[in-house]
């Protein structure tokens, strides 16, 4: 594109849309397969062009997935239950200053551990790439995806977590004997 900026009403190519949203192009193509409400205009040769309303929906999807901790299935259910208005509401919250959790993202330099059911795993024991990913994750535990979990499912997850922690401890003991 030349030095001019496009009108807010202009169509955007997939690269322009991806840049505006801060995601990779393949993410947009993947979201099209998961969310039926994301339907960019396709021109000759299959080139995608995103309308302003497509960008608003994509912004809502990104906010729900990245900022509020929804799963893909959670966003699909939200759309099924509440329609586009719920997705667009997340986009509007995003424009107004972020998710409604009220929590600021953690600076990875300040990451000092990973909380688990049994306590905190020290920061130096958490791989750097995972620590950075976790430090930027903000989960709204009041979100429908979290609220909808049954007590039985929660208990199963807790049991799995305990087994994983036991296995991790056993592996640690085995490695220290060498």
C-alpha atoms as a PDB file:
ATOM      1  CA  UNK A   1       0.000   0.000   0.000  1.00  0.00           C
ATOM      2  CA  UNK A   2       1.221   3.513  -0.675  1.00  0.00           C
ATOM      3  CA  UNK A   3       1.651   6.153   2.012  1.00  0.00           C
ATOM      4  CA  UNK A   4      -2.100   6.845   2.231  1.00  0.00           C
ATOM      5  CA  UNK A   5      -4.376   5.263   4.801  1.00  0.00           C
ATOM      6  CA  UNK A   6      -7.576   3.478   3.856  1.00  0.00           C
ATOM      7  CA  UNK A   7     -11.010   4.715   4.721  1.00  0.00           C
ATOM      8  CA  UNK A   8     -12.496   3.009   7.806  1.00  0.00           C
ATOM      9  CA  UNK A   9     -15.183   1.634   5.476  1.00  0.00           C
ATOM     10  CA  UNK A  10     -12.717   0.129   2.968  1.00  0.00           C
ATOM     11  CA  UNK A  11     -12.258  -3.602   2.523  1.00  0.00           C
ATOM     12  CA  UNK A  12      -9.101  -5.071   4.057  1.00  0.00           C
ATOM     13  CA  UNK A  13      -6.948  -7.871   2.654  1.00  0.00           C
ATOM     14  CA  UNK A  14      -6.135 -10.782   4.932  1.00  0.00           C
ATOM     15  CA  UNK A  15      -2.676  -9.347   5.622  1.00  0.00           C
ATOM     16  CA  UNK A  16      -4.133  -5.945   6.525  1.00  0.00           C
ATOM     17  CA  UNK A  17      -6.756  -7.563   8.771  1.00  0.00           C
ATOM     18  CA  UNK A  18      -4.135  -9.749  10.449  1.00  0.00           C
ATOM     19  CA  UNK A  19      -1.881  -6.735  11.058  1.00  0.00           C
ATOM     20  CA  UNK A  20      -4.759  -4.684  12.458  1.00  0.00           C
ATOM     21  CA  UNK A  21      -5.744  -7.507  14.847  1.00  0.00           C
ATOM     22  CA  UNK A  22      -2.191  -8.493  15.784  1.00  0.00           C
ATOM     23  CA  UNK A  23      -2.543 -12.137  14.706  1.00  0.00           C
ATOM     24  CA  UNK A  24      -1.075 -14.254  11.925  1.00  0.00           C
ATOM     25  CA  UNK A  25      -2.980 -14.764   8.653  1.00  0.00           C
ATOM     26  CA  UNK A  26      -3.309 -18.505   9.243  1.00  0.00           C
ATOM     27  CA  UNK A  27      -5.157 -17.740  12.496  1.00  0.00           C
ATOM     28  CA  UNK A  28      -7.816 -15.828  10.544  1.00  0.00           C
ATOM     29  CA  UNK A  29      -8.160 -18.697   8.066  1.00  0.00           C
ATOM     30  CA  UNK A  30      -8.464 -21.161  10.976  1.00  0.00           C
ATOM     31  CA  UNK A  31     -11.125 -19.034  12.701  1.00  0.00           C
ATOM     32  CA  UNK A  32     -13.144 -19.066   9.469  1.00  0.00           C
ATOM     33  CA  UNK A  33     -13.334 -22.876   9.777  1.00  0.00           C
ATOM     34  CA  UNK A  34     -14.464 -22.709  13.417  1.00  0.00           C
ATOM     35  CA  UNK A  35     -16.840 -19.753  13.443  1.00  0.00           C
ATOM     36  CA  UNK A  36     -19.596 -19.679  10.794  1.00  0.00           C
ATOM     37  CA  UNK A  37     -20.223 -15.974  11.423  1.00  0.00           C
ATOM     38  CA  UNK A  38     -16.775 -15.075  10.042  1.00  0.00           C
ATOM     39  CA  UNK A  39     -17.327 -14.895   6.297  1.00  0.00           C
ATOM     40  CA  UNK A  40     -15.040 -12.510   4.447  1.00  0.00           C
ATOM     41  CA  UNK A  41     -15.913 -11.603   0.887  1.00  0.00           C
ATOM     42  CA  UNK A  42     -13.975 -13.764  -1.552  1.00  0.00           C
ATOM     43  CA  UNK A  43     -13.000 -12.417  -4.945  1.00  0.00           C
ATOM     44  CA  UNK A  44     -11.546 -14.088  -8.016  1.00  0.00           C
ATOM     45  CA  UNK A  45      -8.761 -16.456  -7.164  1.00  0.00           C
ATOM     46  CA  UNK A  46     -10.142 -16.941  -3.639  1.00  0.00           C
ATOM     47  CA  UNK A  47      -8.628 -13.734  -2.238  1.00  0.00           C
ATOM     48  CA  UNK A  48     -10.270 -12.717   1.024  1.00  0.00           C
ATOM     49  CA  UNK A  49     -11.467  -9.202   1.732  1.00  0.00           C
ATOM     50  CA  UNK A  50     -12.712  -8.260   5.184  1.00  0.00           C
ATOM     51  CA  UNK A  51     -15.493  -5.702   5.663  1.00  0.00           C
ATOM     52  CA  UNK A  52     -15.479  -3.400   8.723  1.00  0.00           C
ATOM     53  CA  UNK A  53     -18.132  -5.615  10.374  1.00  0.00           C
ATOM     54  CA  UNK A  54     -15.892  -8.663   9.803  1.00  0.00           C
ATOM     55  CA  UNK A  55     -13.049  -6.839  11.573  1.00  0.00           C
ATOM     56  CA  UNK A  56     -15.391  -6.043  14.511  1.00  0.00           C
ATOM     57  CA  UNK A  57     -16.394  -9.705  14.827  1.00  0.00           C
ATOM     58  CA  UNK A  58     -12.769 -10.824  14.600  1.00  0.00           C
ATOM     59  CA  UNK A  59     -11.836  -8.308  17.300  1.00  0.00           C
ATOM     60  CA  UNK A  60     -14.556  -9.786  19.513  1.00  0.00           C
ATOM     61  CA  UNK A  61     -13.359 -13.339  18.878  1.00  0.00           C
ATOM     62  CA  UNK A  62      -9.768 -12.359  19.642  1.00  0.00           C
ATOM     63  CA  UNK A  63     -10.832 -10.620  22.876  1.00  0.00           C
ATOM     64  CA  UNK A  64     -12.840 -13.630  24.016  1.00  0.00           C
ATOM     65  CA  UNK A  65     -10.101 -16.143  23.188  1.00  0.00           C
ATOM     66  CA  UNK A  66      -6.984 -14.211  24.162  1.00  0.00           C
ATOM     67  CA  UNK A  67      -8.114 -11.857  26.930  1.00  0.00           C
ATOM     68  CA  UNK A  68     -11.025 -13.598  28.591  1.00  0.00           C
ATOM     69  CA  UNK A  69      -9.854 -17.208  28.466  1.00  0.00           C
ATOM     70  CA  UNK A  70     -12.697 -18.609  26.363  1.00  0.00           C
ATOM     71  CA  UNK A  71     -12.104 -21.793  24.400  1.00  0.00           C
ATOM     72  CA  UNK A  72     -13.119 -22.092  20.763  1.00  0.00           C
ATOM     73  CA  UNK A  73     -16.050 -24.214  21.865  1.00  0.00           C
ATOM     74  CA  UNK A  74     -16.940 -21.558  24.453  1.00  0.00           C
ATOM     75  CA  UNK A  75     -17.068 -18.832  21.783  1.00  0.00           C
ATOM     76  CA  UNK A  76     -19.150 -21.126  19.560  1.00  0.00           C
ATOM     77  CA  UNK A  77     -21.603 -21.710  22.422  1.00  0.00           C
ATOM     78  CA  UNK A  78     -21.749 -18.007  23.244  1.00  0.00           C
ATOM     79  CA  UNK A  79     -22.603 -17.272  19.608  1.00  0.00           C
ATOM     80  CA  UNK A  80     -25.225 -20.027  19.545  1.00  0.00           C
ATOM     81  CA  UNK A  81     -26.822 -18.850  22.805  1.00  0.00           C
ATOM     82  CA  UNK A  82     -26.532 -15.070  22.462  1.00  0.00           C
ATOM     83  CA  UNK A  83     -25.727 -14.361  18.810  1.00  0.00           C
ATOM     84  CA  UNK A  84     -23.444 -11.826  17.166  1.00  0.00           C
ATOM     85  CA  UNK A  85     -24.361  -9.173  19.716  1.00  0.00           C
ATOM     86  CA  UNK A  86     -22.318 -11.004  22.394  1.00  0.00           C
ATOM     87  CA  UNK A  87     -19.298 -11.248  20.083  1.00  0.00           C
ATOM     88  CA  UNK A  88     -19.603  -7.592  19.097  1.00  0.00           C
ATOM     89  CA  UNK A  89     -19.985  -6.673  22.790  1.00  0.00           C
ATOM     90  CA  UNK A  90     -16.580  -8.218  23.460  1.00  0.00           C
ATOM     91  CA  UNK A  91     -15.163  -6.181  20.558  1.00  0.00           C
ATOM     92  CA  UNK A  92     -16.638  -2.995  22.023  1.00  0.00           C
ATOM     93  CA  UNK A  93     -15.170  -3.835  25.460  1.00  0.00           C
ATOM     94  CA  UNK A  94     -11.827  -4.311  23.731  1.00  0.00           C
ATOM     95  CA  UNK A  95     -12.041  -0.828  22.169  1.00  0.00           C
ATOM     96  CA  UNK A  96     -13.025   0.625  25.546  1.00  0.00           C
ATOM     97  CA  UNK A  97      -9.828  -0.519  27.189  1.00  0.00           C
ATOM     98  CA  UNK A  98      -9.693  -4.266  27.424  1.00  0.00           C
ATOM     99  CA  UNK A  99     -11.408  -7.117  29.148  1.00  0.00           C
ATOM    100  CA  UNK A 100     -13.580  -6.488  32.144  1.00  0.00           C
ATOM    101  CA  UNK A 101     -11.458  -8.552  34.518  1.00  0.00           C
ATOM    102  CA  UNK A 102      -9.832  -5.435  35.951  1.00  0.00           C
ATOM    103  CA  UNK A 103      -6.467  -7.212  36.108  1.00  0.00           C
ATOM    104  CA  UNK A 104      -3.420  -5.949  34.257  1.00  0.00           C
ATOM    105  CA  UNK A 105      -1.246  -8.477  32.421  1.00  0.00           C
ATOM    106  CA  UNK A 106       1.777  -9.693  34.340  1.00  0.00           C
ATOM    107  CA  UNK A 107       5.203  -8.566  33.170  1.00  0.00           C
ATOM    108  CA  UNK A 108       7.168 -11.750  32.267  1.00  0.00           C
ATOM    109  CA  UNK A 109      10.182 -10.287  34.077  1.00  0.00           C
ATOM    110  CA  UNK A 110       8.101 -10.418  37.267  1.00  0.00           C
ATOM    111  CA  UNK A 111       7.015 -14.037  36.755  1.00  0.00           C
ATOM    112  CA  UNK A 112       8.080 -15.861  39.888  1.00  0.00           C
ATOM    113  CA  UNK A 113       6.100 -19.077  39.767  1.00  0.00           C
ATOM    114  CA  UNK A 114       3.221 -21.104  38.433  1.00  0.00           C
ATOM    115  CA  UNK A 115       0.341 -21.688  40.852  1.00  0.00           C
ATOM    116  CA  UNK A 116      -0.989 -25.257  41.035  1.00  0.00           C
ATOM    117  CA  UNK A 117      -3.413 -27.082  43.349  1.00  0.00           C
ATOM    118  CA  UNK A 118      -0.486 -28.212  45.541  1.00  0.00           C
ATOM    119  CA  UNK A 119       1.376 -24.922  45.655  1.00  0.00           C
ATOM    120  CA  UNK A 120       3.577 -22.826  43.405  1.00  0.00           C
ATOM    121  CA  UNK A 121       6.135 -24.276  41.009  1.00  0.00           C
ATOM    122  CA  UNK A 122       9.199 -21.994  41.283  1.00  0.00           C
ATOM    123  CA  UNK A 123       9.728 -19.702  38.304  1.00  0.00           C
ATOM    124  CA  UNK A 124      13.150 -21.155  37.520  1.00  0.00           C
ATOM    125  CA  UNK A 125      11.540 -24.607  37.060  1.00  0.00           C
ATOM    126  CA  UNK A 126       9.046 -23.330  34.484  1.00  0.00           C
ATOM    127  CA  UNK A 127      10.336 -23.202  30.865  1.00  0.00           C
ATOM    128  CA  UNK A 128      10.855 -19.597  29.764  1.00  0.00           C
ATOM    129  CA  UNK A 129       8.529 -19.803  26.757  1.00  0.00           C
ATOM    130  CA  UNK A 130       5.740 -21.272  28.879  1.00  0.00           C
ATOM    131  CA  UNK A 131       6.295 -18.704  31.642  1.00  0.00           C
ATOM    132  CA  UNK A 132       5.948 -15.871  29.132  1.00  0.00           C
ATOM    133  CA  UNK A 133       2.772 -17.436  27.720  1.00  0.00           C
ATOM    134  CA  UNK A 134       1.243 -17.956  31.170  1.00  0.00           C
ATOM    135  CA  UNK A 135       2.273 -14.498  32.331  1.00  0.00           C
ATOM    136  CA  UNK A 136       0.222 -12.943  29.526  1.00  0.00           C
ATOM    137  CA  UNK A 137      -2.810 -15.158  30.043  1.00  0.00           C
ATOM    138  CA  UNK A 138      -5.744 -13.457  31.689  1.00  0.00           C
ATOM    139  CA  UNK A 139      -8.650 -15.691  32.550  1.00  0.00           C
ATOM    140  CA  UNK A 140     -12.040 -14.455  33.620  1.00  0.00           C
ATOM    141  CA  UNK A 141     -13.134 -17.246  35.940  1.00  0.00           C
ATOM    142  CA  UNK A 142     -16.657 -15.837  35.860  1.00  0.00           C
ATOM    143  CA  UNK A 143     -16.850 -16.399  32.091  1.00  0.00           C
ATOM    144  CA  UNK A 144     -19.514 -18.830  30.883  1.00  0.00           C
ATOM    145  CA  UNK A 145     -16.857 -21.389  29.886  1.00  0.00           C
ATOM    146  CA  UNK A 146     -15.593 -21.557  33.489  1.00  0.00           C
ATOM    147  CA  UNK A 147     -18.998 -21.247  35.184  1.00  0.00           C
ATOM    148  CA  UNK A 148     -20.427 -24.028  33.024  1.00  0.00           C
ATOM    149  CA  UNK A 149     -18.024 -26.663  34.350  1.00  0.00           C
ATOM    150  CA  UNK A 150     -19.820 -29.293  36.423  1.00  0.00           C
ATOM    151  CA  UNK A 151     -18.527 -30.282  39.831  1.00  0.00           C
ATOM    152  CA  UNK A 152     -17.871 -33.783  38.490  1.00  0.00           C
ATOM    153  CA  UNK A 153     -15.701 -32.386  35.671  1.00  0.00           C
ATOM    154  CA  UNK A 154     -13.869 -30.116  38.109  1.00  0.00           C
ATOM    155  CA  UNK A 155     -13.134 -33.073  40.391  1.00  0.00           C
ATOM    156  CA  UNK A 156     -11.860 -35.119  37.436  1.00  0.00           C
ATOM    157  CA  UNK A 157      -9.517 -32.264  36.456  1.00  0.00           C
ATOM    158  CA  UNK A 158      -8.252 -31.992  40.028  1.00  0.00           C
ATOM    159  CA  UNK A 159      -7.580 -35.743  40.161  1.00  0.00           C
ATOM    160  CA  UNK A 160      -5.679 -35.577  36.864  1.00  0.00           C
ATOM    161  CA  UNK A 161      -3.650 -32.630  38.182  1.00  0.00           C
ATOM    162  CA  UNK A 162      -2.742 -34.573  41.347  1.00  0.00           C
ATOM    163  CA  UNK A 163      -1.641 -37.577  39.275  1.00  0.00           C
ATOM    164  CA  UNK A 164       0.475 -35.354  37.022  1.00  0.00           C
ATOM    165  CA  UNK A 165       2.114 -33.701  40.025  1.00  0.00           C
ATOM    166  CA  UNK A 166       2.858 -37.134  41.542  1.00  0.00           C
ATOM    167  CA  UNK A 167       4.382 -38.302  38.265  1.00  0.00           C
ATOM    168  CA  UNK A 168       6.435 -35.104  38.053  1.00  0.00           C
ATOM    169  CA  UNK A 169       7.713 -35.637  41.601  1.00  0.00           C
ATOM    170  CA  UNK A 170       8.575 -39.283  40.835  1.00  0.00           C
ATOM    171  CA  UNK A 171      10.456 -38.239  37.706  1.00  0.00           C
ATOM    172  CA  UNK A 172      12.348 -35.624  39.696  1.00  0.00           C
ATOM    173  CA  UNK A 173      13.398 -38.224  42.278  1.00  0.00           C
ATOM    174  CA  UNK A 174      14.457 -40.625  39.509  1.00  0.00           C
ATOM    175  CA  UNK A 175      16.595 -37.993  37.794  1.00  0.00           C
ATOM    176  CA  UNK A 176      18.287 -36.952  41.040  1.00  0.00           C
ATOM    177  CA  UNK A 177      19.570 -40.522  41.602  1.00  0.00           C
ATOM    178  CA  UNK A 178      21.696 -40.407  38.438  1.00  0.00           C
END
